[in-house]
Amino acid sequence: MKRHRGLDYAASAGEALVNMAGLQLVPVDENIVRSSITLMRRYSFDPRDSIHAASAIRCGAEAIVSTDQHFDRMEKPGRREVNYHLSSRVASVMGSLLW
């Protein structure tokens, strides 16, 4: 994000993300990496998306919020479109992190 929009924007977006209500950060450990490799092979996800999916599975998320339709290949968790009725900053953060 820093590369595309500048350091100040990246820092603000990061703060908005970590202050998001209900956010659960999942440590990327060996099990997440192994699971992400399986997901990469099964669904042809890129490494970043496979880590997002493996983390969502680990924490029991009901959905991944994303505009990326390739997450629809997974049975669980499901995918939800980005809700553009959220504050513009949160919607921007979500879109930036998941593209």
PDB file of N, CA and C in Angstrom:
ATOM      1  N   MET A   1       0.833  -1.179   0.000  1.00  0.00           N
ATOM      2  CA  MET A   1       0.000   0.000   0.000  1.00  0.00           C
ATOM      3  C   MET A   1       0.878   1.242   0.000  1.00  0.00           C
ATOM      4  N   LYS A   2       1.989   1.233   0.752  1.00  0.00           N
ATOM      5  CA  LYS A   2       2.887   2.385   0.800  1.00  0.00           C
ATOM      6  C   LYS A   2       3.353   2.751  -0.604  1.00  0.00           C
ATOM      7  N   ARG A   3       3.668   1.764  -1.391  1.00  0.00           N
ATOM      8  CA  ARG A   3       4.182   1.985  -2.735  1.00  0.00           C
ATOM      9  C   ARG A   3       3.159   2.690  -3.615  1.00  0.00           C
ATOM     10  N   HIS A   4       1.871   2.404  -3.424  1.00  0.00           N
ATOM     11  CA  HIS A   4       0.834   2.957  -4.289  1.00  0.00           C
ATOM     12  C   HIS A   4       0.257   4.286  -3.806  1.00  0.00           C
ATOM     13  N   ARG A   5       0.190   4.488  -2.490  1.00  0.00           N
ATOM     14  CA  ARG A   5      -0.525   5.665  -1.984  1.00  0.00           C
ATOM     15  C   ARG A   5       0.278   6.510  -1.011  1.00  0.00           C
ATOM     16  N   GLY A   6       1.465   6.118  -0.662  1.00  0.00           N
ATOM     17  CA  GLY A   6       2.295   6.911   0.217  1.00  0.00           C
ATOM     18  C   GLY A   6       2.296   6.400   1.657  1.00  0.00           C
ATOM     19  N   LEU A   7       3.323   6.800   2.388  1.00  0.00           N
ATOM     20  CA  LEU A   7       3.547   6.346   3.749  1.00  0.00           C
ATOM     21  C   LEU A   7       2.445   6.781   4.712  1.00  0.00           C
ATOM     22  N   ASP A   8       2.007   8.039   4.645  1.00  0.00           N
ATOM     23  CA  ASP A   8       0.964   8.522   5.562  1.00  0.00           C
ATOM     24  C   ASP A   8      -0.339   7.759   5.375  1.00  0.00           C
ATOM     25  N   TYR A   9      -0.710   7.526   4.130  1.00  0.00           N
ATOM     26  CA  TYR A   9      -1.942   6.779   3.856  1.00  0.00           C
ATOM     27  C   TYR A   9      -1.814   5.349   4.380  1.00  0.00           C
ATOM     28  N   ALA A  10      -0.663   4.729   4.135  1.00  0.00           N
ATOM     29  CA  ALA A  10      -0.446   3.354   4.596  1.00  0.00           C
ATOM     30  C   ALA A  10      -0.536   3.270   6.117  1.00  0.00           C
ATOM     31  N   ALA A  11       0.061   4.236   6.819  1.00  0.00           N
ATOM     32  CA  ALA A  11       0.005   4.238   8.285  1.00  0.00           C
ATOM     33  C   ALA A  11      -1.425   4.444   8.769  1.00  0.00           C
ATOM     34  N   SER A  12      -2.165   5.354   8.163  1.00  0.00           N
ATOM     35  CA  SER A  12      -3.564   5.582   8.551  1.00  0.00           C
ATOM     36  C   SER A  12      -4.419   4.353   8.290  1.00  0.00           C
ATOM     37  N   ALA A  13      -4.199   3.715   7.160  1.00  0.00           N
ATOM     38  CA  ALA A  13      -4.959   2.507   6.833  1.00  0.00           C
ATOM     39  C   ALA A  13      -4.640   1.392   7.814  1.00  0.00           C
ATOM     40  N   GLY A  14      -3.379   1.258   8.187  1.00  0.00           N
ATOM     41  CA  GLY A  14      -2.989   0.247   9.174  1.00  0.00           C
ATOM     42  C   GLY A  14      -3.637   0.493  10.524  1.00  0.00           C
ATOM     43  N   GLU A  15      -3.674   1.756  10.942  1.00  0.00           N
ATOM     44  CA  GLU A  15      -4.336   2.094  12.210  1.00  0.00           C
ATOM     45  C   GLU A  15      -5.826   1.800  12.147  1.00  0.00           C
ATOM     46  N   ALA A  16      -6.467   2.135  11.024  1.00  0.00           N
ATOM     47  CA  ALA A  16      -7.895   1.855  10.871  1.00  0.00           C
ATOM     48  C   ALA A  16      -8.152   0.350  10.940  1.00  0.00           C
ATOM     49  N   LEU A  17      -7.255  -0.416  10.354  1.00  0.00           N
ATOM     50  CA  LEU A  17      -7.416  -1.864  10.360  1.00  0.00           C
ATOM     51  C   LEU A  17      -7.310  -2.433  11.772  1.00  0.00           C
ATOM     52  N   VAL A  18      -6.247  -2.104  12.493  1.00  0.00           N
ATOM     53  CA  VAL A  18      -6.071  -2.704  13.826  1.00  0.00           C
ATOM     54  C   VAL A  18      -7.092  -2.203  14.832  1.00  0.00           C
ATOM     55  N   ASN A  19      -7.741  -1.075  14.551  1.00  0.00           N
ATOM     56  CA  ASN A  19      -8.787  -0.560  15.436  1.00  0.00           C
ATOM     57  C   ASN A  19     -10.187  -1.007  15.023  1.00  0.00           C
ATOM     58  N   MET A  20     -10.280  -1.839  13.986  1.00  0.00           N
ATOM     59  CA  MET A  20     -11.575  -2.287  13.483  1.00  0.00           C
ATOM     60  C   MET A  20     -12.263  -3.183  14.522  1.00  0.00           C
ATOM     61  N   ALA A  21     -13.506  -2.868  14.812  1.00  0.00           N
ATOM     62  CA  ALA A  21     -14.279  -3.649  15.783  1.00  0.00           C
ATOM     63  C   ALA A  21     -14.405  -5.090  15.305  1.00  0.00           C
ATOM     64  N   GLY A  22     -14.168  -6.013  16.201  1.00  0.00           N
ATOM     65  CA  GLY A  22     -14.345  -7.428  15.893  1.00  0.00           C
ATOM     66  C   GLY A  22     -13.185  -8.067  15.147  1.00  0.00           C
ATOM     67  N   LEU A  23     -12.147  -7.298  14.872  1.00  0.00           N
ATOM     68  CA  LEU A  23     -11.002  -7.855  14.155  1.00  0.00           C
ATOM     69  C   LEU A  23     -10.263  -8.843  15.037  1.00  0.00           C
ATOM     70  N   GLN A  24      -9.946  -9.988  14.478  1.00  0.00           N
ATOM     71  CA  GLN A  24      -9.132 -10.974  15.184  1.00  0.00           C
ATOM     72  C   GLN A  24      -7.899 -11.233  14.333  1.00  0.00           C
ATOM     73  N   LEU A  25      -6.733 -10.883  14.868  1.00  0.00           N
ATOM     74  CA  LEU A  25      -5.485 -11.142  14.158  1.00  0.00           C
ATOM     75  C   LEU A  25      -5.028 -12.565  14.484  1.00  0.00           C
ATOM     76  N   VAL A  26      -4.649 -13.292  13.463  1.00  0.00           N
ATOM     77  CA  VAL A  26      -4.232 -14.680  13.625  1.00  0.00           C
ATOM     78  C   VAL A  26      -2.742 -14.763  13.307  1.00  0.00           C
ATOM     79  N   PRO A  27      -1.941 -15.235  14.254  1.00  0.00           N
ATOM     80  CA  PRO A  27      -0.502 -15.360  13.973  1.00  0.00           C
ATOM     81  C   PRO A  27      -0.262 -16.358  12.831  1.00  0.00           C
ATOM     82  N   VAL A  28       0.627 -16.007  11.928  1.00  0.00           N
ATOM     83  CA  VAL A  28       0.975 -16.919  10.845  1.00  0.00           C
ATOM     84  C   VAL A  28       2.098 -17.815  11.351  1.00  0.00           C
ATOM     85  N   ASP A  29       1.690 -19.022  11.734  1.00  0.00           N
ATOM     86  CA  ASP A  29       2.653 -19.993  12.242  1.00  0.00           C
ATOM     87  C   ASP A  29       2.831 -21.108  11.213  1.00  0.00           C
ATOM     88  N   GLU A  30       3.578 -22.131  11.584  1.00  0.00           N
ATOM     89  CA  GLU A  30       3.847 -23.230  10.656  1.00  0.00           C
ATOM     90  C   GLU A  30       2.558 -23.895  10.169  1.00  0.00           C
ATOM     91  N   ASN A  31       1.575 -24.067  11.058  1.00  0.00           N
ATOM     92  CA  ASN A  31       0.325 -24.712  10.653  1.00  0.00           C
ATOM     93  C   ASN A  31      -0.438 -23.879   9.619  1.00  0.00           C
ATOM     94  N   ILE A  32      -0.446 -22.558   9.808  1.00  0.00           N
ATOM     95  CA  ILE A  32      -1.097 -21.679   8.819  1.00  0.00           C
ATOM     96  C   ILE A  32      -0.379 -21.796   7.476  1.00  0.00           C
ATOM     97  N   VAL A  33       0.948 -21.791   7.501  1.00  0.00           N
ATOM     98  CA  VAL A  33       1.712 -21.882   6.254  1.00  0.00           C
ATOM     99  C   VAL A  33       1.442 -23.214   5.559  1.00  0.00           C
ATOM    100  N   ARG A  34       1.442 -24.305   6.312  1.00  0.00           N
ATOM    101  CA  ARG A  34       1.165 -25.616   5.711  1.00  0.00           C
ATOM    102  C   ARG A  34      -0.251 -25.656   5.116  1.00  0.00           C
ATOM    103  N   SER A  35      -1.206 -25.133   5.860  1.00  0.00           N
ATOM    104  CA  SER A  35      -2.582 -25.085   5.366  1.00  0.00           C
ATOM    105  C   SER A  35      -2.675 -24.205   4.118  1.00  0.00           C
ATOM    106  N   SER A  36      -1.954 -23.087   4.119  1.00  0.00           N
ATOM    107  CA  SER A  36      -1.997 -22.187   2.954  1.00  0.00           C
ATOM    108  C   SER A  36      -1.402 -22.861   1.718  1.00  0.00           C
ATOM    109  N   ILE A  37      -0.391 -23.688   1.893  1.00  0.00           N
ATOM    110  CA  ILE A  37       0.202 -24.410   0.765  1.00  0.00           C
ATOM    111  C   ILE A  37      -0.831 -25.380   0.169  1.00  0.00           C
ATOM    112  N   THR A  38      -1.557 -26.065   1.051  1.00  0.00           N
ATOM    113  CA  THR A  38      -2.619 -26.963   0.591  1.00  0.00           C
ATOM    114  C   THR A  38      -3.675 -26.197  -0.194  1.00  0.00           C
ATOM    115  N   LEU A  39      -4.101 -25.033   0.349  1.00  0.00           N
ATOM    116  CA  LEU A  39      -5.106 -24.214  -0.325  1.00  0.00           C
ATOM    117  C   LEU A  39      -4.585 -23.666  -1.648  1.00  0.00           C
ATOM    118  N   MET A  40      -3.299 -23.288  -1.695  1.00  0.00           N
ATOM    119  CA  MET A  40      -2.686 -22.790  -2.926  1.00  0.00           C
ATOM    120  C   MET A  40      -2.785 -23.843  -4.021  1.00  0.00           C
ATOM    121  N   ARG A  41      -2.454 -25.071  -3.647  1.00  0.00           N
ATOM    122  CA  ARG A  41      -2.487 -26.165  -4.631  1.00  0.00           C
ATOM    123  C   ARG A  41      -3.920 -26.521  -5.023  1.00  0.00           C
ATOM    124  N   ARG A  42      -4.814 -26.577  -4.050  1.00  0.00           N
ATOM    125  CA  ARG A  42      -6.189 -27.004  -4.315  1.00  0.00           C
ATOM    126  C   ARG A  42      -6.966 -25.986  -5.142  1.00  0.00           C
ATOM    127  N   TYR A  43      -6.804 -24.683  -4.812  1.00  0.00           N
ATOM    128  CA  TYR A  43      -7.629 -23.655  -5.437  1.00  0.00           C
ATOM    129  C   TYR A  43      -6.866 -22.708  -6.358  1.00  0.00           C
ATOM    130  N   SER A  44      -5.579 -22.944  -6.534  1.00  0.00           N
ATOM    131  CA  SER A  44      -4.728 -22.074  -7.357  1.00  0.00           C
ATOM    132  C   SER A  44      -4.711 -20.634  -6.850  1.00  0.00           C
ATOM    133  N   PHE A  45      -4.765 -20.463  -5.532  1.00  0.00           N
ATOM    134  CA  PHE A  45      -4.663 -19.134  -4.928  1.00  0.00           C
ATOM    135  C   PHE A  45      -3.219 -18.665  -4.977  1.00  0.00           C
ATOM    136  N   ASP A  46      -3.032 -17.343  -4.991  1.00  0.00           N
ATOM    137  CA  ASP A  46      -1.678 -16.825  -4.837  1.00  0.00           C
ATOM    138  C   ASP A  46      -1.308 -16.949  -3.352  1.00  0.00           C
ATOM    139  N   PRO A  47      -0.032 -16.825  -3.020  1.00  0.00           N
ATOM    140  CA  PRO A  47       0.384 -17.036  -1.624  1.00  0.00           C
ATOM    141  C   PRO A  47      -0.347 -16.155  -0.610  1.00  0.00           C
ATOM    142  N   ARG A  48      -0.521 -14.873  -0.925  1.00  0.00           N
ATOM    143  CA  ARG A  48      -1.178 -13.977   0.039  1.00  0.00           C
ATOM    144  C   ARG A  48      -2.623 -14.401   0.286  1.00  0.00           C
ATOM    145  N   ASP A  49      -3.356 -14.709  -0.773  1.00  0.00           N
ATOM    146  CA  ASP A  49      -4.752 -15.122  -0.607  1.00  0.00           C
ATOM    147  C   ASP A  49      -4.853 -16.458   0.118  1.00  0.00           C
ATOM    148  N   SER A  50      -3.901 -17.343  -0.121  1.00  0.00           N
ATOM    149  CA  SER A  50      -3.945 -18.629   0.578  1.00  0.00           C
ATOM    150  C   SER A  50      -3.691 -18.448   2.075  1.00  0.00           C
ATOM    151  N   ILE A  51      -2.848 -17.497   2.445  1.00  0.00           N
ATOM    152  CA  ILE A  51      -2.625 -17.210   3.872  1.00  0.00           C
ATOM    153  C   ILE A  51      -3.875 -16.586   4.476  1.00  0.00           C
ATOM    154  N   HIS A  52      -4.532 -15.684   3.741  1.00  0.00           N
ATOM    155  CA  HIS A  52      -5.795 -15.109   4.240  1.00  0.00           C
ATOM    156  C   HIS A  52      -6.821 -16.210   4.463  1.00  0.00           C
ATOM    157  N   ALA A  53      -6.961 -17.113   3.498  1.00  0.00           N
ATOM    158  CA  ALA A  53      -7.948 -18.189   3.606  1.00  0.00           C
ATOM    159  C   ALA A  53      -7.603 -19.138   4.753  1.00  0.00           C
ATOM    160  N   ALA A  54      -6.348 -19.518   4.878  1.00  0.00           N
ATOM    161  CA  ALA A  54      -5.936 -20.422   5.960  1.00  0.00           C
ATOM    162  C   ALA A  54      -6.172 -19.776   7.325  1.00  0.00           C
ATOM    163  N   SER A  55      -5.916 -18.487   7.431  1.00  0.00           N
ATOM    164  CA  SER A  55      -6.149 -17.767   8.688  1.00  0.00           C
ATOM    165  C   SER A  55      -7.639 -17.714   9.008  1.00  0.00           C
ATOM    166  N   ALA A  56      -8.470 -17.481   7.993  1.00  0.00           N
ATOM    167  CA  ALA A  56      -9.923 -17.441   8.195  1.00  0.00           C
ATOM    168  C   ALA A  56     -10.442 -18.800   8.661  1.00  0.00           C
ATOM    169  N   ILE A  57      -9.920 -19.855   8.064  1.00  0.00           N
ATOM    170  CA  ILE A  57     -10.321 -21.209   8.470  1.00  0.00           C
ATOM    171  C   ILE A  57      -9.896 -21.461   9.909  1.00  0.00           C
ATOM    172  N   ARG A  58      -8.665 -21.081  10.253  1.00  0.00           N
ATOM    173  CA  ARG A  58      -8.133 -21.317  11.598  1.00  0.00           C
ATOM    174  C   ARG A  58      -9.005 -20.659  12.667  1.00  0.00           C
ATOM    175  N   CYS A  59      -9.462 -19.427  12.420  1.00  0.00           N
ATOM    176  CA  CYS A  59     -10.221 -18.723  13.455  1.00  0.00           C
ATOM    177  C   CYS A  59     -11.719 -18.978  13.348  1.00  0.00           C
ATOM    178  N   GLY A  60     -12.125 -19.827  12.410  1.00  0.00           N
ATOM    179  CA  GLY A  60     -13.539 -20.173  12.296  1.00  0.00           C
ATOM    180  C   GLY A  60     -14.401 -19.071  11.720  1.00  0.00           C
ATOM    181  N   ALA A  61     -13.815 -18.233  10.869  1.00  0.00           N
ATOM    182  CA  ALA A  61     -14.578 -17.138  10.262  1.00  0.00           C
ATOM    183  C   ALA A  61     -15.707 -17.698   9.410  1.00  0.00           C
ATOM    184  N   GLU A  62     -16.840 -16.995   9.421  1.00  0.00           N
ATOM    185  CA  GLU A  62     -17.937 -17.438   8.552  1.00  0.00           C
ATOM    186  C   GLU A  62     -17.745 -16.959   7.131  1.00  0.00           C
ATOM    187  N   ALA A  63     -16.914 -15.929   6.932  1.00  0.00           N
ATOM    188  CA  ALA A  63     -16.724 -15.411   5.580  1.00  0.00           C
ATOM    189  C   ALA A  63     -15.415 -14.630   5.481  1.00  0.00           C
ATOM    190  N   ILE A  64     -14.923 -14.551   4.250  1.00  0.00           N
ATOM    191  CA  ILE A  64     -13.817 -13.667   3.904  1.00  0.00           C
ATOM    192  C   ILE A  64     -14.449 -12.481   3.186  1.00  0.00           C
ATOM    193  N   VAL A  65     -14.167 -11.276   3.652  1.00  0.00           N
ATOM    194  CA  VAL A  65     -14.713 -10.079   3.004  1.00  0.00           C
ATOM    195  C   VAL A  65     -13.760  -9.695   1.886  1.00  0.00           C
ATOM    196  N   SER A  66     -14.258  -9.817   0.655  1.00  0.00           N
ATOM    197  CA  SER A  66     -13.389  -9.575  -0.487  1.00  0.00           C
ATOM    198  C   SER A  66     -14.214  -9.384  -1.751  1.00  0.00           C
ATOM    199  N   THR A  67     -13.633  -8.683  -2.700  1.00  0.00           N
ATOM    200  CA  THR A  67     -14.233  -8.591  -4.024  1.00  0.00           C
ATOM    201  C   THR A  67     -13.678  -9.690  -4.934  1.00  0.00           C
ATOM    202  N   ASP A  68     -12.712 -10.453  -4.427  1.00  0.00           N
ATOM    203  CA  ASP A  68     -12.070 -11.506  -5.215  1.00  0.00           C
ATOM    204  C   ASP A  68     -12.959 -12.738  -5.304  1.00  0.00           C
ATOM    205  N   GLN A  69     -13.512 -12.980  -6.470  1.00  0.00           N
ATOM    206  CA  GLN A  69     -14.447 -14.079  -6.653  1.00  0.00           C
ATOM    207  C   GLN A  69     -13.796 -15.449  -6.570  1.00  0.00           C
ATOM    208  N   HIS A  70     -12.474 -15.512  -6.669  1.00  0.00           N
ATOM    209  CA  HIS A  70     -11.840 -16.833  -6.584  1.00  0.00           C
ATOM    210  C   HIS A  70     -12.028 -17.467  -5.203  1.00  0.00           C
ATOM    211  N   PHE A  71     -12.335 -16.646  -4.167  1.00  0.00           N
ATOM    212  CA  PHE A  71     -12.629 -17.224  -2.855  1.00  0.00           C
ATOM    213  C   PHE A  71     -13.934 -18.025  -2.877  1.00  0.00           C
ATOM    214  N   ASP A  72     -14.762 -17.810  -3.903  1.00  0.00           N
ATOM    215  CA  ASP A  72     -16.013 -18.562  -4.038  1.00  0.00           C
ATOM    216  C   ASP A  72     -15.753 -20.045  -4.310  1.00  0.00           C
ATOM    217  N   ARG A  73     -14.557 -20.389  -4.734  1.00  0.00           N
ATOM    218  CA  ARG A  73     -14.222 -21.803  -4.980  1.00  0.00           C
ATOM    219  C   ARG A  73     -14.224 -22.615  -3.688  1.00  0.00           C
ATOM    220  N   MET A  74     -14.014 -21.939  -2.559  1.00  0.00           N
ATOM    221  CA  MET A  74     -13.983 -22.627  -1.268  1.00  0.00           C
ATOM    222  C   MET A  74     -15.409 -22.805  -0.753  1.00  0.00           C
ATOM    223  N   GLU A  75     -15.677 -23.959  -0.168  1.00  0.00           N
ATOM    224  CA  GLU A  75     -16.990 -24.176   0.432  1.00  0.00           C
ATOM    225  C   GLU A  75     -17.125 -23.370   1.713  1.00  0.00           C
ATOM    226  N   LYS A  76     -16.110 -23.419   2.562  1.00  0.00           N
ATOM    227  CA  LYS A  76     -16.091 -22.663   3.814  1.00  0.00           C
ATOM    228  C   LYS A  76     -14.704 -22.081   3.999  1.00  0.00           C
ATOM    229  N   PRO A  77     -14.534 -20.922   4.533  1.00  0.00           N
ATOM    230  CA  PRO A  77     -15.590 -19.966   4.795  1.00  0.00           C
ATOM    231  C   PRO A  77     -16.109 -19.387   3.482  1.00  0.00           C
ATOM    232  N   GLY A  78     -17.288 -18.852   3.532  1.00  0.00           N
ATOM    233  CA  GLY A  78     -17.854 -18.219   2.344  1.00  0.00           C
ATOM    234  C   GLY A  78     -17.186 -16.879   2.078  1.00  0.00           C
ATOM    235  N   ARG A  79     -17.635 -16.218   1.035  1.00  0.00           N
ATOM    236  CA  ARG A  79     -17.107 -14.886   0.721  1.00  0.00           C
ATOM    237  C   ARG A  79     -18.247 -13.890   0.776  1.00  0.00           C
ATOM    238  N   ARG A  80     -17.955 -12.740   1.323  1.00  0.00           N
ATOM    239  CA  ARG A  80     -18.903 -11.621   1.310  1.00  0.00           C
ATOM    240  C   ARG A  80     -18.265 -10.467   0.572  1.00  0.00           C
ATOM    241  N   GLU A  81     -19.077  -9.797  -0.222  1.00  0.00           N
ATOM    242  CA  GLU A  81     -18.598  -8.603  -0.919  1.00  0.00           C
ATOM    243  C   GLU A  81     -18.261  -7.527   0.108  1.00  0.00           C
ATOM    244  N   VAL A  82     -17.339  -6.659  -0.248  1.00  0.00           N
ATOM    245  CA  VAL A  82     -17.028  -5.503   0.589  1.00  0.00           C
ATOM    246  C   VAL A  82     -18.294  -4.664   0.689  1.00  0.00           C
ATOM    247  N   ASN A  83     -18.676  -4.302   1.891  1.00  0.00           N
ATOM    248  CA  ASN A  83     -19.857  -3.482   2.124  1.00  0.00           C
ATOM    249  C   ASN A  83     -19.457  -2.019   1.998  1.00  0.00           C
ATOM    250  N   TYR A  84     -19.829  -1.409   0.899  1.00  0.00           N
ATOM    251  CA  TYR A  84     -19.420  -0.033   0.664  1.00  0.00           C
ATOM    252  C   TYR A  84     -20.217   0.969   1.485  1.00  0.00           C
ATOM    253  N   HIS A  85     -21.112   0.490   2.337  1.00  0.00           N
ATOM    254  CA  HIS A  85     -21.804   1.375   3.266  1.00  0.00           C
ATOM    255  C   HIS A  85     -20.985   1.575   4.532  1.00  0.00           C
ATOM    256  N   LEU A  86     -19.883   0.823   4.645  1.00  0.00           N
ATOM    257  CA  LEU A  86     -18.964   1.048   5.760  1.00  0.00           C
ATOM    258  C   LEU A  86     -18.336   2.424   5.570  1.00  0.00           C
ATOM    259  N   SER A  87     -17.676   2.898   6.595  1.00  0.00           N
ATOM    260  CA  SER A  87     -16.989   4.175   6.413  1.00  0.00           C
ATOM    261  C   SER A  87     -16.025   4.054   5.234  1.00  0.00           C
ATOM    262  N   SER A  88     -15.791   5.129   4.544  1.00  0.00           N
ATOM    263  CA  SER A  88     -14.938   5.071   3.364  1.00  0.00           C
ATOM    264  C   SER A  88     -13.531   4.604   3.717  1.00  0.00           C
ATOM    265  N   ARG A  89     -13.036   4.958   4.868  1.00  0.00           N
ATOM    266  CA  ARG A  89     -11.689   4.542   5.250  1.00  0.00           C
ATOM    267  C   ARG A  89     -11.629   3.038   5.456  1.00  0.00           C
ATOM    268  N   VAL A  90     -12.606   2.469   6.183  1.00  0.00           N
ATOM    269  CA  VAL A  90     -12.604   1.029   6.435  1.00  0.00           C
ATOM    270  C   VAL A  90     -12.787   0.281   5.122  1.00  0.00           C
ATOM    271  N   ALA A  91     -13.696   0.712   4.282  1.00  0.00           N
ATOM    272  CA  ALA A  91     -13.906   0.064   2.987  1.00  0.00           C
ATOM    273  C   ALA A  91     -12.633   0.135   2.157  1.00  0.00           C
ATOM    274  N   SER A  92     -11.942   1.264   2.206  1.00  0.00           N
ATOM    275  CA  SER A  92     -10.715   1.416   1.468  1.00  0.00           C
ATOM    276  C   SER A  92      -9.640   0.473   1.989  1.00  0.00           C
ATOM    277  N   VAL A  93      -9.539   0.367   3.310  1.00  0.00           N
ATOM    278  CA  VAL A  93      -8.565  -0.537   3.915  1.00  0.00           C
ATOM    279  C   VAL A  93      -8.862  -1.974   3.502  1.00  0.00           C
ATOM    280  N   MET A  94     -10.123  -2.372   3.613  1.00  0.00           N
ATOM    281  CA  MET A  94     -10.488  -3.740   3.271  1.00  0.00           C
ATOM    282  C   MET A  94     -10.161  -4.037   1.798  1.00  0.00           C
ATOM    283  N   GLY A  95     -10.519  -3.124   0.931  1.00  0.00           N
ATOM    284  CA  GLY A  95     -10.238  -3.327  -0.482  1.00  0.00           C
ATOM    285  C   GLY A  95      -8.746  -3.379  -0.761  1.00  0.00           C
ATOM    286  N   SER A  96      -7.979  -2.529  -0.104  1.00  0.00           N
ATOM    287  CA  SER A  96      -6.534  -2.481  -0.333  1.00  0.00           C
ATOM    288  C   SER A  96      -5.840  -3.728   0.181  1.00  0.00           C
ATOM    289  N   LEU A  97      -6.313  -4.244   1.293  1.00  0.00           N
ATOM    290  CA  LEU A  97      -5.663  -5.408   1.874  1.00  0.00           C
ATOM    291  C   LEU A  97      -5.985  -6.686   1.128  1.00  0.00           C
ATOM    292  N   LEU A  98      -7.106  -6.728   0.483  1.00  0.00           N
ATOM    293  CA  LEU A  98      -7.536  -7.981  -0.118  1.00  0.00           C
ATOM    294  C   LEU A  98      -7.422  -8.020  -1.636  1.00  0.00           C
ATOM    295  N   TRP A  99      -6.809  -7.014  -2.258  1.00  0.00           N
ATOM    296  CA  TRP A  99      -6.660  -7.081  -3.713  1.00  0.00           C
ATOM    297  C   TRP A  99      -5.334  -7.650  -4.100  1.00  0.00           C
TER     298      TRP A  99
END
